[in-house]
Amino acid sequence: MGDSTIFDLVSDELEQRSSLSRLEARGTVRLALKEAGLDAATVTVEQMTVVLRKVLPRELKTRNVGDPAGLCEALAGRLSGLKLDSKIGQTPEAVFARLAPS
């Protein structure tokens, strides 16, 4: 996945699957994460899945996105299919540990 974060993945998928612009999609996901007390840079797959099921549908409904619950379930399904670490956006310590020579 490179340098992409879970936030980037969900935002990009939301933009592709809805009528929201890139800026609107990213802002909406960021607001949902903020409401849940999470940070876009460090959110895990598990945390994002909860946000997709509990918080984001409400945000999408206020933006008149059709079938917010179905869309969020599709996004959650996309996340569950990922074969990666549960946290893509890692702590600085984890990044440095990965970069350090073995």
C-alpha atoms as a PDB file:
ATOM      1  CA  MET A   1       0.000   0.000   0.000  1.00  0.00           C
ATOM      2  CA  GLY A   2       2.959   2.337   0.149  1.00  0.00           C
ATOM      3  CA  ASP A   3       2.491   5.483   2.188  1.00  0.00           C
ATOM      4  CA  SER A   4      -1.302   5.444   2.040  1.00  0.00           C
ATOM      5  CA  THR A   5      -3.171   5.552   5.282  1.00  0.00           C
ATOM      6  CA  ILE A   6      -6.478   3.962   6.134  1.00  0.00           C
ATOM      7  CA  PHE A   7      -7.896   7.490   6.089  1.00  0.00           C
ATOM      8  CA  ASP A   8      -6.672   7.987   2.507  1.00  0.00           C
ATOM      9  CA  LEU A   9      -8.074   4.660   1.379  1.00  0.00           C
ATOM     10  CA  VAL A  10     -11.526   5.288   2.875  1.00  0.00           C
ATOM     11  CA  SER A  11     -11.623   8.883   1.627  1.00  0.00           C
ATOM     12  CA  ASP A  12     -10.655   7.846  -1.906  1.00  0.00           C
ATOM     13  CA  GLU A  13     -13.216   5.036  -1.942  1.00  0.00           C
ATOM     14  CA  LEU A  14     -15.911   7.380  -0.622  1.00  0.00           C
ATOM     15  CA  GLU A  15     -15.123   9.897  -3.342  1.00  0.00           C
ATOM     16  CA  GLN A  16     -15.320   7.194  -6.040  1.00  0.00           C
ATOM     17  CA  ARG A  17     -18.551   5.658  -4.739  1.00  0.00           C
ATOM     18  CA  SER A  18     -20.473   8.867  -4.027  1.00  0.00           C
ATOM     19  CA  SER A  19     -21.187  12.289  -5.469  1.00  0.00           C
ATOM     20  CA  LEU A  20     -18.818  13.932  -2.997  1.00  0.00           C
ATOM     21  CA  SER A  21     -15.753  15.767  -4.278  1.00  0.00           C
ATOM     22  CA  ARG A  22     -12.298  14.783  -3.027  1.00  0.00           C
ATOM     23  CA  LEU A  23     -12.304  17.651  -0.534  1.00  0.00           C
ATOM     24  CA  GLU A  24     -15.840  16.839   0.673  1.00  0.00           C
ATOM     25  CA  ALA A  25     -15.048  13.131   1.060  1.00  0.00           C
ATOM     26  CA  ARG A  26     -11.856  13.788   3.030  1.00  0.00           C
ATOM     27  CA  GLY A  27     -13.545  16.415   5.203  1.00  0.00           C
ATOM     28  CA  THR A  28     -16.499  14.148   5.938  1.00  0.00           C
ATOM     29  CA  VAL A  29     -14.272  11.231   6.968  1.00  0.00           C
ATOM     30  CA  ARG A  30     -12.119  13.591   9.059  1.00  0.00           C
ATOM     31  CA  LEU A  31     -15.234  14.925  10.861  1.00  0.00           C
ATOM     32  CA  ALA A  32     -16.449  11.387  11.588  1.00  0.00           C
ATOM     33  CA  LEU A  33     -13.037  10.460  13.008  1.00  0.00           C
ATOM     34  CA  LYS A  34     -12.975  13.626  15.122  1.00  0.00           C
ATOM     35  CA  GLU A  35     -16.417  12.824  16.511  1.00  0.00           C
ATOM     36  CA  ALA A  36     -15.086   9.393  17.481  1.00  0.00           C
ATOM     37  CA  GLY A  37     -11.994  10.936  19.093  1.00  0.00           C
ATOM     38  CA  LEU A  38      -9.609   9.427  16.523  1.00  0.00           C
ATOM     39  CA  ASP A  39      -6.803  10.852  14.410  1.00  0.00           C
ATOM     40  CA  ALA A  40      -6.700  10.385  10.636  1.00  0.00           C
ATOM     41  CA  ALA A  41      -2.959   9.663  10.680  1.00  0.00           C
ATOM     42  CA  THR A  42      -3.093   6.837  13.203  1.00  0.00           C
ATOM     43  CA  VAL A  43      -6.541   5.252  12.852  1.00  0.00           C
ATOM     44  CA  THR A  44      -6.467   1.442  12.658  1.00  0.00           C
ATOM     45  CA  VAL A  45      -8.569  -0.797  10.424  1.00  0.00           C
ATOM     46  CA  GLU A  46     -10.601  -1.873  13.449  1.00  0.00           C
ATOM     47  CA  GLN A  47     -11.238   1.704  14.577  1.00  0.00           C
ATOM     48  CA  MET A  48     -12.149   2.857  11.066  1.00  0.00           C
ATOM     49  CA  THR A  49     -14.556  -0.061  10.706  1.00  0.00           C
ATOM     50  CA  VAL A  50     -16.407   1.073  13.836  1.00  0.00           C
ATOM     51  CA  VAL A  51     -16.490   4.675  12.534  1.00  0.00           C
ATOM     52  CA  LEU A  52     -17.839   3.416   9.202  1.00  0.00           C
ATOM     53  CA  ARG A  53     -20.652   1.558  10.932  1.00  0.00           C
ATOM     54  CA  LYS A  54     -21.512   3.947  13.767  1.00  0.00           C
ATOM     55  CA  VAL A  55     -20.565   7.522  12.831  1.00  0.00           C
ATOM     56  CA  LEU A  56     -20.028   8.017   9.100  1.00  0.00           C
ATOM     57  CA  PRO A  57     -23.567   7.009   7.999  1.00  0.00           C
ATOM     58  CA  ARG A  58     -24.943   9.993   9.960  1.00  0.00           C
ATOM     59  CA  GLU A  59     -22.421  12.343   8.362  1.00  0.00           C
ATOM     60  CA  LEU A  60     -23.294  11.054   4.887  1.00  0.00           C
ATOM     61  CA  LYS A  61     -27.020  11.377   5.537  1.00  0.00           C
ATOM     62  CA  THR A  62     -26.615  15.071   6.398  1.00  0.00           C
ATOM     63  CA  ARG A  63     -24.822  15.482   3.052  1.00  0.00           C
ATOM     64  CA  ASN A  64     -27.683  13.785   1.159  1.00  0.00           C
ATOM     65  CA  VAL A  65     -25.564  10.828   0.051  1.00  0.00           C
ATOM     66  CA  GLY A  66     -27.827   7.984  -1.054  1.00  0.00           C
ATOM     67  CA  ASP A  67     -27.894   4.784   1.036  1.00  0.00           C
ATOM     68  CA  PRO A  68     -25.314   5.887   3.620  1.00  0.00           C
ATOM     69  CA  ALA A  69     -25.503   2.632   5.592  1.00  0.00           C
ATOM     70  CA  GLY A  70     -25.026   0.490   2.489  1.00  0.00           C
ATOM     71  CA  LEU A  71     -22.146   2.638   1.286  1.00  0.00           C
ATOM     72  CA  CYS A  72     -20.437   2.464   4.667  1.00  0.00           C
ATOM     73  CA  GLU A  73     -20.859  -1.326   4.784  1.00  0.00           C
ATOM     74  CA  ALA A  74     -19.242  -1.553   1.329  1.00  0.00           C
ATOM     75  CA  LEU A  75     -16.334   0.562   2.584  1.00  0.00           C
ATOM     76  CA  ALA A  76     -16.028  -1.600   5.705  1.00  0.00           C
ATOM     77  CA  GLY A  77     -15.979  -4.671   3.472  1.00  0.00           C
ATOM     78  CA  ARG A  78     -13.183  -3.123   1.445  1.00  0.00           C
ATOM     79  CA  LEU A  79     -11.172  -2.604   4.641  1.00  0.00           C
ATOM     80  CA  SER A  80     -11.777  -6.149   5.880  1.00  0.00           C
ATOM     81  CA  GLY A  81     -10.351  -7.454   2.622  1.00  0.00           C
ATOM     82  CA  LEU A  82      -7.032  -5.713   3.129  1.00  0.00           C
ATOM     83  CA  LYS A  83      -4.051  -7.893   3.842  1.00  0.00           C
ATOM     84  CA  LEU A  84      -1.987  -5.428   5.840  1.00  0.00           C
ATOM     85  CA  ASP A  85      -1.021  -4.511   9.300  1.00  0.00           C
ATOM     86  CA  SER A  86      -3.978  -3.416  11.351  1.00  0.00           C
ATOM     87  CA  LYS A  87      -2.382   0.005  11.508  1.00  0.00           C
ATOM     88  CA  ILE A  88      -1.079   1.498   8.286  1.00  0.00           C
ATOM     89  CA  GLY A  89      -0.465   4.967   9.680  1.00  0.00           C
ATOM     90  CA  GLN A  90       2.081   3.949  12.285  1.00  0.00           C
ATOM     91  CA  THR A  91       3.752   5.652  15.184  1.00  0.00           C
ATOM     92  CA  PRO A  92       7.075   7.356  14.510  1.00  0.00           C
ATOM     93  CA  GLU A  93       8.794   4.648  16.562  1.00  0.00           C
ATOM     94  CA  ALA A  94       7.353   1.908  14.327  1.00  0.00           C
ATOM     95  CA  VAL A  95       8.403   3.751  11.190  1.00  0.00           C
ATOM     96  CA  PHE A  96      11.960   4.222  12.452  1.00  0.00           C
ATOM     97  CA  ALA A  97      12.152   0.597  13.563  1.00  0.00           C
ATOM     98  CA  ARG A  98      11.173  -0.475  10.050  1.00  0.00           C
ATOM     99  CA  LEU A  99      13.769   1.825   8.497  1.00  0.00           C
ATOM    100  CA  ALA A 100      16.616   0.782  10.800  1.00  0.00           C
ATOM    101  CA  PRO A 101      19.019  -1.767   9.300  1.00  0.00           C
ATOM    102  CA  SER A 102      18.524  -5.283  10.611  1.00  0.00           C
END
